[in-house]
Amino acid sequence: MAKTKQTAISQLFWSSRPVSWINTAYPFAATYVFISGKFDLTLLLGTLFFLIPYNLLMYGINDVFDYESDLTNPRKGGIEGALLDKRWHKLTIWSSILSCLPFVIYLMIVGDTSARLWLALFVFTVVAYSAPVLRFKERPFLDSLTSASHFVGPMIFALALLHVDLSNRAVLSSIIAFTLWGMASHAFGAVQDVRADREANISSIATVIGAKATVWFAFIAYAAAGILVLNINWPGPIAAIAALPYLVIVAPYLRITDQNCEQANQGWRKFIWLNFFAGAVVSMLLIWASLHQA
């Protein structure tokens, strides 16, 4: 019994993609602290929510409903995605829902109507990305936009929670730049799976426009994100420098074809660690600049 329980916890842990926890928790926590200057219960519970339950909901549902296609994907089974055995599927679904519920209830109570609507939207997109029927991940271009919302969402929710004007030029530029960054990352990540997804009859931005066009889309989106942050007060423009390593990583694959799409995995694996460090630095710069511009 003890071993089974330990195995279950291990499965849930890896299904939540711990390497990505910081990418959703940090935008919320940094935004909340830099704008409010508070270290309170809302910061604690909001950060915990976006750190673990939010990721378990996002990736756990994905692992359950993508199980059949994941079986044929050689990338699954490590930090790039868990291969969740069927016997844990029901547990994963219930754990992801129940772990989110108390946090969502609290955040809904402390937020106003605007904050509640934003939170509801982002929780919905997390579920809609992988859930049957909706399957936003199989709707080209909407897949990249939805994926981006998973990471920019916590920042937008924190801004709304603190009554920041989202239409402010600097704030809006930060949001759009972050969204473009997220879309570019998702699109480039889809390139490596073009052939596997087509064989599994799974649609994505990359299966529709092809590997080469998708890499160009990612390259342009990264460049546009870097240009947009120039629209923010100092030291915001420094964040534009962070776009350079992404452009350098993507550039070698601008001539990739559908036949050798798997080669993009070499670049994608670099993104996993680049996002971990660069994402935090960029978020801090953008939020700081937005605060002083607002």
Protein backbone atom coordinates (compact mmCIF):
# COMPACT_ATOMS: atom_id res chain seq x y z
CA MET A 1 0.00 0.00 0.00
CA ALA A 2 2.79 2.41 0.97
CA LYS A 3 4.64 1.68 -2.25
CA THR A 4 1.50 2.24 -4.32
CA LYS A 5 0.91 5.57 -2.60
CA GLN A 6 4.52 6.58 -3.21
CA THR A 7 4.20 5.63 -6.87
CA ALA A 8 1.00 7.63 -7.21
CA ILE A 9 2.61 10.73 -5.72
CA SER A 10 5.60 10.28 -8.02
CA GLN A 11 3.33 10.00 -11.06
CA LEU A 12 1.44 13.16 -10.12
CA PHE A 13 4.69 14.99 -9.42
CA TRP A 14 6.21 14.26 -12.82
CA SER A 15 2.92 14.82 -14.61
CA SER A 16 2.87 18.39 -13.23
CA ARG A 17 6.20 19.11 -15.02
CA PRO A 18 8.18 20.50 -12.05
CA VAL A 19 10.73 22.02 -14.44
CA SER A 20 7.98 24.39 -15.59
CA TRP A 21 6.55 25.39 -12.20
CA ILE A 22 8.56 28.60 -12.03
CA ASN A 23 7.34 29.68 -15.47
CA THR A 24 3.78 30.12 -14.19
CA ALA A 25 4.33 30.99 -10.52
CA TYR A 26 6.94 33.67 -11.07
CA PRO A 27 4.90 35.97 -13.36
CA PHE A 28 2.14 36.09 -10.74
CA ALA A 29 4.40 36.46 -7.70
CA ALA A 30 6.72 39.05 -9.23
CA THR A 31 3.84 41.13 -10.56
CA TYR A 32 2.02 41.06 -7.24
CA VAL A 33 5.06 41.95 -5.14
CA PHE A 34 6.48 44.65 -7.41
CA ILE A 35 3.16 46.44 -7.81
CA SER A 36 1.61 46.02 -4.36
CA GLY A 37 4.74 45.71 -2.26
CA LYS A 38 2.78 43.26 -0.11
CA PHE A 39 3.72 39.85 1.25
CA ASP A 40 0.30 38.64 2.29
CA LEU A 41 -1.99 35.61 2.19
CA THR A 42 -3.10 36.38 -1.37
CA LEU A 43 0.50 36.38 -2.57
CA LEU A 44 1.18 33.09 -0.78
CA LEU A 45 -1.92 31.26 -1.98
CA GLY A 46 -1.79 32.72 -5.47
CA THR A 47 1.84 31.72 -5.89
CA LEU A 48 1.21 28.21 -4.56
CA PHE A 49 -1.74 27.85 -6.94
CA PHE A 50 0.23 28.85 -10.02
CA LEU A 51 3.24 26.83 -8.83
CA ILE A 52 1.74 23.33 -8.52
CA PRO A 53 -2.08 22.85 -8.83
CA TYR A 54 -2.26 25.02 -11.97
CA ASN A 55 0.50 23.00 -13.62
CA LEU A 56 -0.99 19.68 -12.54
CA LEU A 57 -4.30 20.76 -14.09
CA MET A 58 -2.57 21.87 -17.27
CA TYR A 59 -0.21 18.97 -17.84
CA GLY A 60 -2.12 16.24 -16.01
CA ILE A 61 -5.13 16.63 -18.28
CA ASN A 62 -2.78 16.71 -21.24
CA ASP A 63 -1.10 13.46 -20.19
CA VAL A 64 -4.45 11.72 -19.74
CA PHE A 65 -6.05 12.72 -23.03
CA ASP A 66 -2.84 12.53 -25.09
CA TYR A 67 -1.89 9.12 -23.74
CA GLU A 68 -2.40 7.17 -26.97
CA SER A 69 -0.32 9.56 -29.08
CA ASP A 70 2.31 9.90 -26.34
CA LEU A 71 2.95 6.16 -26.54
CA THR A 72 4.49 6.63 -30.00
CA ASN A 73 6.34 9.83 -29.14
CA PRO A 74 9.99 9.12 -28.17
CA ARG A 75 10.23 12.44 -26.31
CA LYS A 76 7.72 11.39 -23.68
CA GLY A 77 8.79 9.84 -20.42
CA GLY A 78 11.23 12.53 -19.24
CA ILE A 79 11.32 16.27 -18.54
CA GLU A 80 9.74 16.94 -21.94
CA GLY A 81 6.57 15.15 -20.94
CA ALA A 82 5.38 12.38 -18.68
CA LEU A 83 4.05 9.08 -19.97
CA LEU A 84 1.22 8.54 -17.53
CA ASP A 85 0.10 4.94 -17.13
CA LYS A 86 -3.65 4.41 -17.60
CA ARG A 87 -4.19 3.22 -14.05
CA TRP A 88 -3.32 6.72 -12.82
CA HIS A 89 -5.58 8.64 -15.22
CA LYS A 90 -8.64 8.89 -12.98
CA LEU A 91 -6.50 9.85 -9.99
CA THR A 92 -4.75 12.54 -12.04
CA ILE A 93 -8.01 14.11 -13.22
CA TRP A 94 -9.52 14.22 -9.73
CA SER A 95 -6.28 15.37 -8.08
CA SER A 96 -5.86 18.20 -10.58
CA ILE A 97 -9.42 19.43 -10.04
CA LEU A 98 -9.54 19.07 -6.26
CA SER A 99 -6.09 20.59 -5.72
CA CYS A 100 -7.13 23.70 -7.67
CA LEU A 101 -10.57 24.16 -6.13
CA PRO A 102 -9.71 25.78 -2.75
CA PHE A 103 -7.22 28.15 -4.35
CA VAL A 104 -9.62 29.21 -7.09
CA ILE A 105 -12.41 29.79 -4.55
CA TYR A 106 -10.15 32.01 -2.42
CA LEU A 107 -8.82 33.99 -5.41
CA MET A 108 -12.36 34.48 -6.70
CA ILE A 109 -13.42 35.85 -3.30
CA VAL A 110 -10.57 38.36 -2.98
CA GLY A 111 -10.77 39.55 -6.60
CA ASP A 112 -13.25 41.92 -8.19
CA THR A 113 -15.38 41.06 -11.22
CA SER A 114 -12.59 41.80 -13.68
CA ALA A 115 -10.07 39.62 -11.83
CA ARG A 116 -12.62 36.80 -11.52
CA LEU A 117 -13.32 36.84 -15.25
CA TRP A 118 -9.62 36.74 -16.10
CA LEU A 119 -9.01 33.86 -13.69
CA ALA A 120 -12.00 31.96 -15.08
CA LEU A 121 -10.74 32.52 -18.62
CA PHE A 122 -7.24 31.22 -17.92
CA VAL A 123 -8.43 28.19 -15.97
CA PHE A 124 -10.78 27.46 -18.88
CA THR A 125 -7.98 27.69 -21.47
CA VAL A 126 -5.81 25.36 -19.38
CA VAL A 127 -8.55 22.74 -19.51
CA ALA A 128 -9.67 23.49 -23.08
CA TYR A 129 -6.15 23.01 -24.43
CA SER A 130 -6.29 19.21 -23.99
CA ALA A 131 -9.83 18.25 -22.99
CA PRO A 132 -11.96 16.23 -25.44
CA VAL A 133 -14.19 18.12 -27.90
CA LEU A 134 -12.56 21.49 -27.17
CA ARG A 135 -8.97 20.36 -27.87
CA PHE A 136 -7.56 23.85 -28.51
CA LYS A 137 -4.16 22.21 -28.96
CA GLU A 138 -5.43 20.78 -32.25
CA ARG A 139 -6.71 24.10 -33.60
CA PRO A 140 -3.85 25.71 -35.55
CA PHE A 141 -2.75 29.16 -34.32
CA LEU A 142 -5.29 28.95 -31.48
CA ASP A 143 -2.99 26.25 -30.10
CA SER A 144 -0.06 28.66 -29.86
CA LEU A 145 -2.20 31.50 -28.50
CA THR A 146 -3.75 29.24 -25.85
CA SER A 147 -0.36 27.87 -24.85
CA ALA A 148 0.95 31.42 -24.45
CA SER A 149 -2.03 32.33 -22.27
CA HIS A 150 -1.01 29.64 -19.81
CA PHE A 151 2.10 31.67 -18.94
CA VAL A 152 1.02 35.27 -19.49
CA GLY A 153 -2.27 34.53 -17.71
CA PRO A 154 -0.86 34.55 -14.15
CA MET A 155 0.69 37.97 -14.83
CA ILE A 156 -2.54 39.40 -16.25
CA PHE A 157 -4.52 38.00 -13.32
CA ALA A 158 -2.15 39.64 -10.82
CA LEU A 159 -2.47 42.96 -12.67
CA ALA A 160 -6.27 42.70 -12.62
CA LEU A 161 -6.25 41.66 -8.98
CA LEU A 162 -4.36 44.87 -8.18
CA HIS A 163 -6.59 47.05 -10.37
CA VAL A 164 -3.84 47.99 -12.83
CA ASP A 165 -5.05 49.54 -16.10
CA LEU A 166 -4.33 46.85 -18.70
CA SER A 167 -4.77 49.36 -21.52
CA ASN A 168 -1.79 51.41 -20.33
CA ARG A 169 0.77 51.56 -23.15
CA ALA A 170 3.65 50.04 -21.20
CA VAL A 171 1.50 47.38 -19.55
CA LEU A 172 -0.16 46.43 -22.83
CA SER A 173 3.21 46.27 -24.59
CA SER A 174 4.48 43.93 -21.87
CA ILE A 175 1.45 41.67 -22.20
CA ILE A 176 1.64 41.48 -26.00
CA ALA A 177 5.41 40.89 -25.93
CA PHE A 178 5.04 38.10 -23.36
CA THR A 179 2.23 36.58 -25.44
CA LEU A 180 4.32 36.64 -28.62
CA TRP A 181 7.18 35.02 -26.74
CA GLY A 182 4.83 32.27 -25.55
CA MET A 183 3.38 31.74 -29.02
CA ALA A 184 6.86 31.53 -30.54
CA SER A 185 7.98 28.98 -27.96
CA HIS A 186 4.93 26.80 -28.53
CA ALA A 187 5.20 27.02 -32.31
CA PHE A 188 8.88 26.09 -32.35
CA GLY A 189 8.16 23.23 -29.95
CA ALA A 190 5.53 21.89 -32.36
CA VAL A 191 8.04 21.67 -35.23
CA GLN A 192 9.82 18.59 -33.86
CA ASP A 193 6.52 16.67 -33.81
CA VAL A 194 5.29 17.44 -37.34
CA ARG A 195 5.67 13.92 -38.69
CA ALA A 196 4.59 12.18 -35.48
CA ASP A 197 1.51 14.40 -35.17
CA ARG A 198 0.50 13.85 -38.78
CA GLU A 199 0.80 10.09 -38.35
CA ALA A 200 -1.41 10.33 -35.26
CA ASN A 201 -3.87 12.64 -37.09
CA ILE A 202 -3.14 15.47 -34.65
CA SER A 203 -3.34 19.01 -36.02
CA SER A 204 -1.11 21.87 -34.92
CA ILE A 205 0.24 25.10 -36.29
CA ALA A 206 3.26 23.14 -37.53
CA THR A 207 1.32 20.34 -39.26
CA VAL A 208 -0.76 22.91 -41.14
CA ILE A 209 1.84 25.39 -42.39
CA GLY A 210 4.83 23.03 -42.27
CA ALA A 211 8.06 22.91 -40.28
CA LYS A 212 9.95 25.62 -42.18
CA ALA A 213 7.10 28.18 -42.10
CA THR A 214 6.55 27.50 -38.40
CA VAL A 215 10.19 28.15 -37.56
CA TRP A 216 9.96 31.44 -39.46
CA PHE A 217 6.79 32.28 -37.53
CA ALA A 218 8.61 31.64 -34.25
CA PHE A 219 11.65 33.66 -35.35
CA ILE A 220 9.51 36.67 -36.32
CA ALA A 221 7.42 36.44 -33.13
CA TYR A 222 10.54 36.44 -30.95
CA ALA A 223 11.91 39.43 -32.87
CA ALA A 224 8.59 41.28 -32.56
CA ALA A 225 8.51 40.61 -28.81
CA GLY A 226 11.99 42.10 -28.50
CA ILE A 227 10.97 45.18 -30.49
CA LEU A 228 7.79 45.68 -28.45
CA VAL A 229 9.61 45.97 -25.16
CA LEU A 230 11.49 48.96 -26.57
CA ASN A 231 8.15 50.72 -26.05
CA ILE A 232 8.58 50.52 -22.27
CA ASN A 233 10.37 52.91 -19.95
CA TRP A 234 13.89 52.12 -18.75
CA PRO A 235 15.05 49.51 -17.88
CA GLY A 236 12.36 47.72 -19.90
CA PRO A 237 14.24 48.01 -23.23
CA ILE A 238 17.05 45.90 -21.73
CA ALA A 239 14.67 42.96 -21.99
CA ALA A 240 14.99 43.19 -25.78
CA ILE A 241 18.46 41.70 -25.39
CA ALA A 242 16.86 38.55 -24.02
CA ALA A 243 15.31 37.90 -27.43
CA LEU A 244 18.76 37.43 -28.96
CA PRO A 245 19.55 33.96 -27.55
CA TYR A 246 16.16 32.73 -28.75
CA LEU A 247 16.82 34.08 -32.23
CA VAL A 248 20.27 32.48 -32.20
CA ILE A 249 18.81 29.09 -31.22
CA VAL A 250 16.01 29.24 -33.81
CA ALA A 251 18.10 30.59 -36.71
CA PRO A 252 19.87 27.30 -37.62
CA TYR A 253 16.47 25.70 -38.26
CA LEU A 254 15.08 28.32 -40.67
CA ARG A 255 15.67 25.90 -43.56
CA ILE A 256 14.34 22.81 -41.79
CA THR A 257 11.96 20.54 -43.70
CA ASP A 258 9.09 18.31 -42.66
CA GLN A 259 11.30 15.30 -43.39
CA ASN A 260 13.98 16.25 -40.85
CA CYS A 261 11.74 18.13 -38.39
CA GLU A 262 12.98 16.01 -35.47
CA GLN A 263 16.27 17.93 -35.59
CA ALA A 264 14.48 20.88 -34.00
CA ASN A 265 14.46 18.92 -30.73
CA GLN A 266 18.10 19.90 -30.22
CA GLY A 267 17.09 23.55 -30.15
CA TRP A 268 13.96 22.89 -28.11
CA ARG A 269 15.93 21.20 -25.35
CA LYS A 270 17.99 24.37 -25.02
CA PHE A 271 14.78 26.35 -24.61
CA ILE A 272 13.78 24.35 -21.55
CA TRP A 273 16.70 25.75 -19.56
CA LEU A 274 16.87 29.14 -21.29
CA ASN A 275 13.21 29.77 -20.38
CA PHE A 276 13.91 28.88 -16.78
CA PHE A 277 16.52 31.62 -16.31
CA ALA A 278 15.73 34.21 -18.98
CA GLY A 279 12.01 34.11 -18.26
CA ALA A 280 12.51 35.24 -14.67
CA VAL A 281 14.89 38.06 -15.66
CA VAL A 282 12.66 39.33 -18.44
CA SER A 283 9.54 39.19 -16.24
CA MET A 284 11.23 41.26 -13.54
CA LEU A 285 12.37 43.93 -16.02
CA LEU A 286 8.99 44.19 -17.74
CA ILE A 287 7.03 44.33 -14.51
CA TRP A 288 9.36 46.92 -12.96
CA ALA A 289 9.15 49.11 -16.04
CA SER A 290 5.37 48.74 -16.26
CA LEU A 291 5.01 49.76 -12.62
CA HIS A 292 6.98 52.96 -13.14
CA GLN A 293 5.18 53.75 -16.37
CA ALA A 294 1.69 53.08 -15.07
